Protein backbone atom coordinates (compact mmCIF):
# COMPACT_ATOMS: atom_id res chain seq x y z
CA MET A 1 17.28 9.01 22.04
CA LYS A 2 14.92 7.17 19.73
CA LYS A 3 15.98 5.54 16.51
CA ASN A 4 14.77 7.18 13.28
CA GLY A 5 12.18 4.44 12.74
CA ASP A 6 10.82 4.87 16.26
CA THR A 7 10.52 8.63 15.83
CA LYS A 8 8.80 8.26 12.46
CA ARG A 9 6.39 5.66 13.85
CA ALA A 10 5.63 7.98 16.80
CA MET A 11 4.76 10.80 14.41
CA ALA A 12 2.70 8.46 12.23
CA ASN A 13 0.78 7.25 15.28
CA ALA A 14 0.24 10.84 16.38
CA LEU A 15 -1.13 11.70 12.94
CA ARG A 16 -3.46 8.69 13.08
CA GLU A 17 -4.65 9.90 16.49
CA CYS A 18 -5.24 13.43 15.20
CA MET A 19 -7.19 12.06 12.24
CA GLN A 20 -9.70 10.53 14.64
CA SER A 21 -10.97 14.01 15.50
CA SER A 22 -9.99 16.27 12.58
CA PRO A 23 -10.05 16.12 8.79
CA ILE A 24 -6.54 15.57 7.52
CA ASP A 25 -6.55 18.85 5.61
CA ARG A 26 -6.93 20.69 8.93
CA ILE A 27 -4.22 18.92 10.93
CA SER A 28 -1.11 20.95 11.59
CA ILE A 29 2.45 19.81 12.13
CA LYS A 30 2.25 21.38 15.59
CA GLU A 31 -0.69 19.13 16.48
CA ILE A 32 1.28 16.08 15.37
CA THR A 33 4.45 17.01 17.23
CA ASP A 34 2.53 18.01 20.38
CA ALA A 35 0.70 14.67 20.35
CA CYS A 36 3.96 12.70 20.35
CA GLY A 37 6.06 15.04 22.48
CA LEU A 38 8.44 16.13 19.74
CA ASN A 39 9.25 19.53 18.24
CA ARG A 40 8.73 20.92 14.75
CA GLN A 41 12.44 20.74 14.01
CA THR A 42 12.36 16.99 14.62
CA PHE A 43 9.40 16.67 12.27
CA TYR A 44 11.24 18.54 9.51
CA TYR A 45 14.36 16.49 10.10
CA HIS A 46 12.38 13.40 9.04
CA PHE A 47 9.67 14.73 6.70
CA LYS A 48 9.19 17.60 4.30
CA ASP A 49 5.52 18.01 5.16
CA ILE A 50 2.44 16.09 6.28
CA TYR A 51 2.08 14.57 2.80
CA ASP A 52 5.57 13.09 3.18
CA LEU A 53 4.57 11.61 6.57
CA ILE A 54 1.38 10.11 5.09
CA LYS A 55 3.37 8.62 2.23
CA TRP A 56 5.82 7.13 4.73
CA MET A 57 2.91 5.65 6.73
CA TYR A 58 1.50 3.88 3.69
CA VAL A 59 4.84 2.59 2.49
CA TYR A 60 5.68 1.43 6.02
CA ASP A 61 2.36 -0.42 6.35
CA ILE A 62 2.79 -2.08 2.95
CA ASN A 63 6.39 -3.03 3.71
CA GLU A 64 5.48 -4.44 7.13
CA ALA A 65 2.65 -6.54 5.72
CA ILE A 66 4.73 -7.95 2.88
CA ALA A 67 7.90 -8.34 4.98
CA GLU A 68 6.05 -10.79 7.20
CA THR A 69 5.89 -13.22 4.29
CA ARG A 70 7.18 -16.55 5.45
CA GLU A 71 8.97 -19.20 3.46
CA GLY A 72 6.45 -21.46 1.76
CA GLU A 73 3.63 -18.96 2.22
CA THR A 74 1.22 -18.69 -0.67
CA THR A 75 0.47 -15.54 -2.62
CA GLU A 76 -3.09 -15.78 -1.28
CA GLU A 77 -1.87 -15.67 2.33
CA MET A 78 0.37 -12.69 1.59
CA LEU A 79 -2.51 -10.83 -0.07
CA PHE A 80 -4.87 -11.51 2.87
CA ARG A 81 -2.22 -10.12 5.24
CA LEU A 82 -1.91 -6.99 3.09
CA LEU A 83 -5.68 -6.47 3.15
CA ARG A 84 -5.74 -6.95 6.94
CA ALA A 85 -2.95 -4.38 7.33
CA PHE A 86 -5.16 -1.79 5.68
CA ASP A 87 -8.15 -2.88 7.79
CA LYS A 88 -6.60 -1.94 11.10
CA ASP A 89 -6.48 1.75 10.10
CA ARG A 90 -9.53 1.86 7.84
CA ASP A 91 -10.77 5.20 9.26
CA CYS A 92 -7.32 6.72 8.81
CA HIS A 93 -7.14 5.55 5.20
CA LEU A 94 -10.65 6.81 4.52
CA ALA A 95 -9.65 10.24 5.83
CA VAL A 96 -6.73 10.29 3.39
CA TYR A 97 -8.92 9.13 0.48
CA ASN A 98 -11.36 11.95 1.23
CA SER A 99 -8.63 14.57 1.38
CA ARG A 100 -8.60 17.02 -1.50
CA ASN A 101 -5.01 18.08 -0.86
CA TYR A 102 -3.24 14.79 -0.25
CA TYR A 103 -5.06 12.01 -2.02
CA PRO A 104 -4.45 12.66 -5.75
CA ASN A 105 -0.65 12.55 -5.48
CA LEU A 106 -0.58 9.99 -2.72
CA ARG A 107 -2.58 7.54 -4.80
CA LEU A 108 0.26 7.32 -7.31
CA GLU A 109 2.80 6.86 -4.52
CA ILE A 110 0.82 4.01 -2.94
CA ILE A 111 0.37 2.23 -6.25
CA GLY A 112 4.09 2.68 -6.94
CA SER A 113 4.97 1.19 -3.57
CA LEU A 114 2.60 -1.74 -4.07
CA THR A 115 4.11 -2.29 -7.51
CA GLU A 116 7.63 -2.35 -6.12
CA ARG A 117 6.85 -4.56 -3.13
CA LEU A 118 4.81 -7.08 -5.16
CA SER A 119 7.56 -7.50 -7.76
CA PRO A 120 9.23 -10.43 -5.96
CA VAL A 121 5.91 -12.29 -6.04
CA PHE A 122 5.89 -12.19 -9.83
CA GLU A 123 9.58 -12.35 -10.77
CA PRO A 124 9.82 -16.16 -10.79
CA LEU A 125 6.79 -16.32 -13.08
CA PHE A 126 8.17 -13.58 -15.33
CA GLU A 127 11.52 -15.35 -15.61
CA ARG A 128 9.99 -18.75 -16.25
CA ASN A 129 7.73 -17.34 -18.95
CA GLY A 130 10.32 -15.09 -20.59
CA PHE A 131 8.27 -11.88 -20.41
CA ASP A 132 10.09 -8.79 -21.62
CA GLU A 133 10.69 -5.94 -19.14
CA GLU A 134 8.05 -3.61 -20.59
CA TYR A 135 5.35 -6.28 -20.26
CA ARG A 136 6.55 -7.14 -16.75
CA GLU A 137 6.22 -3.53 -15.64
CA PHE A 138 2.75 -3.30 -17.16
CA LEU A 139 1.62 -6.42 -15.28
CA ARG A 140 3.17 -5.27 -11.98
CA ARG A 141 1.37 -1.93 -12.16
CA MET A 142 -1.91 -3.46 -13.30
CA TYR A 143 -2.00 -5.98 -10.45
CA ALA A 144 -1.02 -3.32 -7.88
CA LEU A 145 -3.70 -0.96 -9.21
CA VAL A 146 -6.37 -3.63 -8.81
CA ILE A 147 -5.30 -4.25 -5.19
CA PHE A 148 -5.28 -0.55 -4.40
CA GLU A 149 -8.68 0.00 -5.98
CA TYR A 150 -10.12 -2.82 -3.92
CA ILE A 151 -8.56 -1.50 -0.68
CA GLU A 152 -9.94 1.96 -1.35
CA ARG A 153 -13.42 0.65 -2.13
CA ARG A 154 -13.39 -1.43 1.06
CA ALA A 155 -12.51 1.66 3.12
CA ARG A 156 -15.32 3.61 1.46
CA GLY A 157 -17.76 0.78 2.19
CA TYR A 158 -18.52 -0.36 -1.34
CA ALA A 159 -16.15 -3.17 -2.17
CA PHE A 160 -17.28 -5.23 -5.13
CA SER A 161 -16.76 -8.58 -3.38
CA SER A 162 -15.69 -10.22 -0.15
CA ASP A 163 -11.98 -10.46 0.62
CA GLU A 164 -12.09 -14.19 -0.04
CA SER A 165 -13.68 -13.69 -3.46
CA PHE A 166 -11.32 -10.84 -4.31
CA VAL A 167 -8.23 -12.91 -3.49
CA GLU A 168 -9.60 -15.91 -5.39
CA TYR A 169 -10.44 -13.82 -8.47
CA TRP A 170 -7.12 -11.97 -8.33
CA ILE A 171 -5.17 -15.25 -8.27
CA ARG A 172 -7.39 -16.82 -10.97
CA THR A 173 -6.90 -13.78 -13.19
CA ILE A 174 -3.13 -13.94 -12.81
CA ASP A 175 -3.10 -17.69 -13.52
CA SER A 176 -5.27 -17.18 -16.62
CA GLN A 177 -3.11 -14.28 -17.76
CA PHE A 178 0.06 -16.32 -17.51
CA ARG A 179 -1.44 -19.42 -19.16
CA GLY A 180 -2.81 -17.32 -21.99
CA GLU A 181 0.51 -15.60 -22.53
CA LEU A 182 2.31 -18.95 -22.59
CA LEU A 183 -0.10 -20.21 -25.25
CA ARG A 184 0.39 -17.03 -27.29
CA MET A 185 4.18 -17.29 -27.05
CA ASN A 186 4.20 -20.99 -27.97
CA ARG A 187 2.07 -20.33 -31.07
CA GLY A 188 4.27 -17.43 -32.13
């Protein structure tokens, strides 16, 4: 018997496979379970619906990319790895972005997951600078939203910069933000 994670990954891979030939709004749970040799009951044991599976896929991909962070690794390296994680399934992500039924709610879930997973990147800076919790949450969400917007634009084929430029600008913006806030707090 497979572990829960193996079963979920099998269903996620089956969904990705189905998305190669069908719009996501037309894929059935039966197609997914047939593609991975499972039954509907197994699907519903793990997920409420296809939306829940898609959400799991995104969160899993984000978690995997960020979990690979190594000691001493820079924020830039972590961000490049996150962008590459979304590259490997670009067509799959594009299908989700083009979905009328899944995308609007999923967008919020993905941004929420990015916000949560990126928190450890910022916590040392927040602590050192004494930012209050409301401001911390604002910054976490803002930075995650920018990353998500860039990932979506890349999948759609109209990113506003190269990955290298995006990462450089993202880091420069954060550095400027924190320096500016320190100046403001020291004057106050």
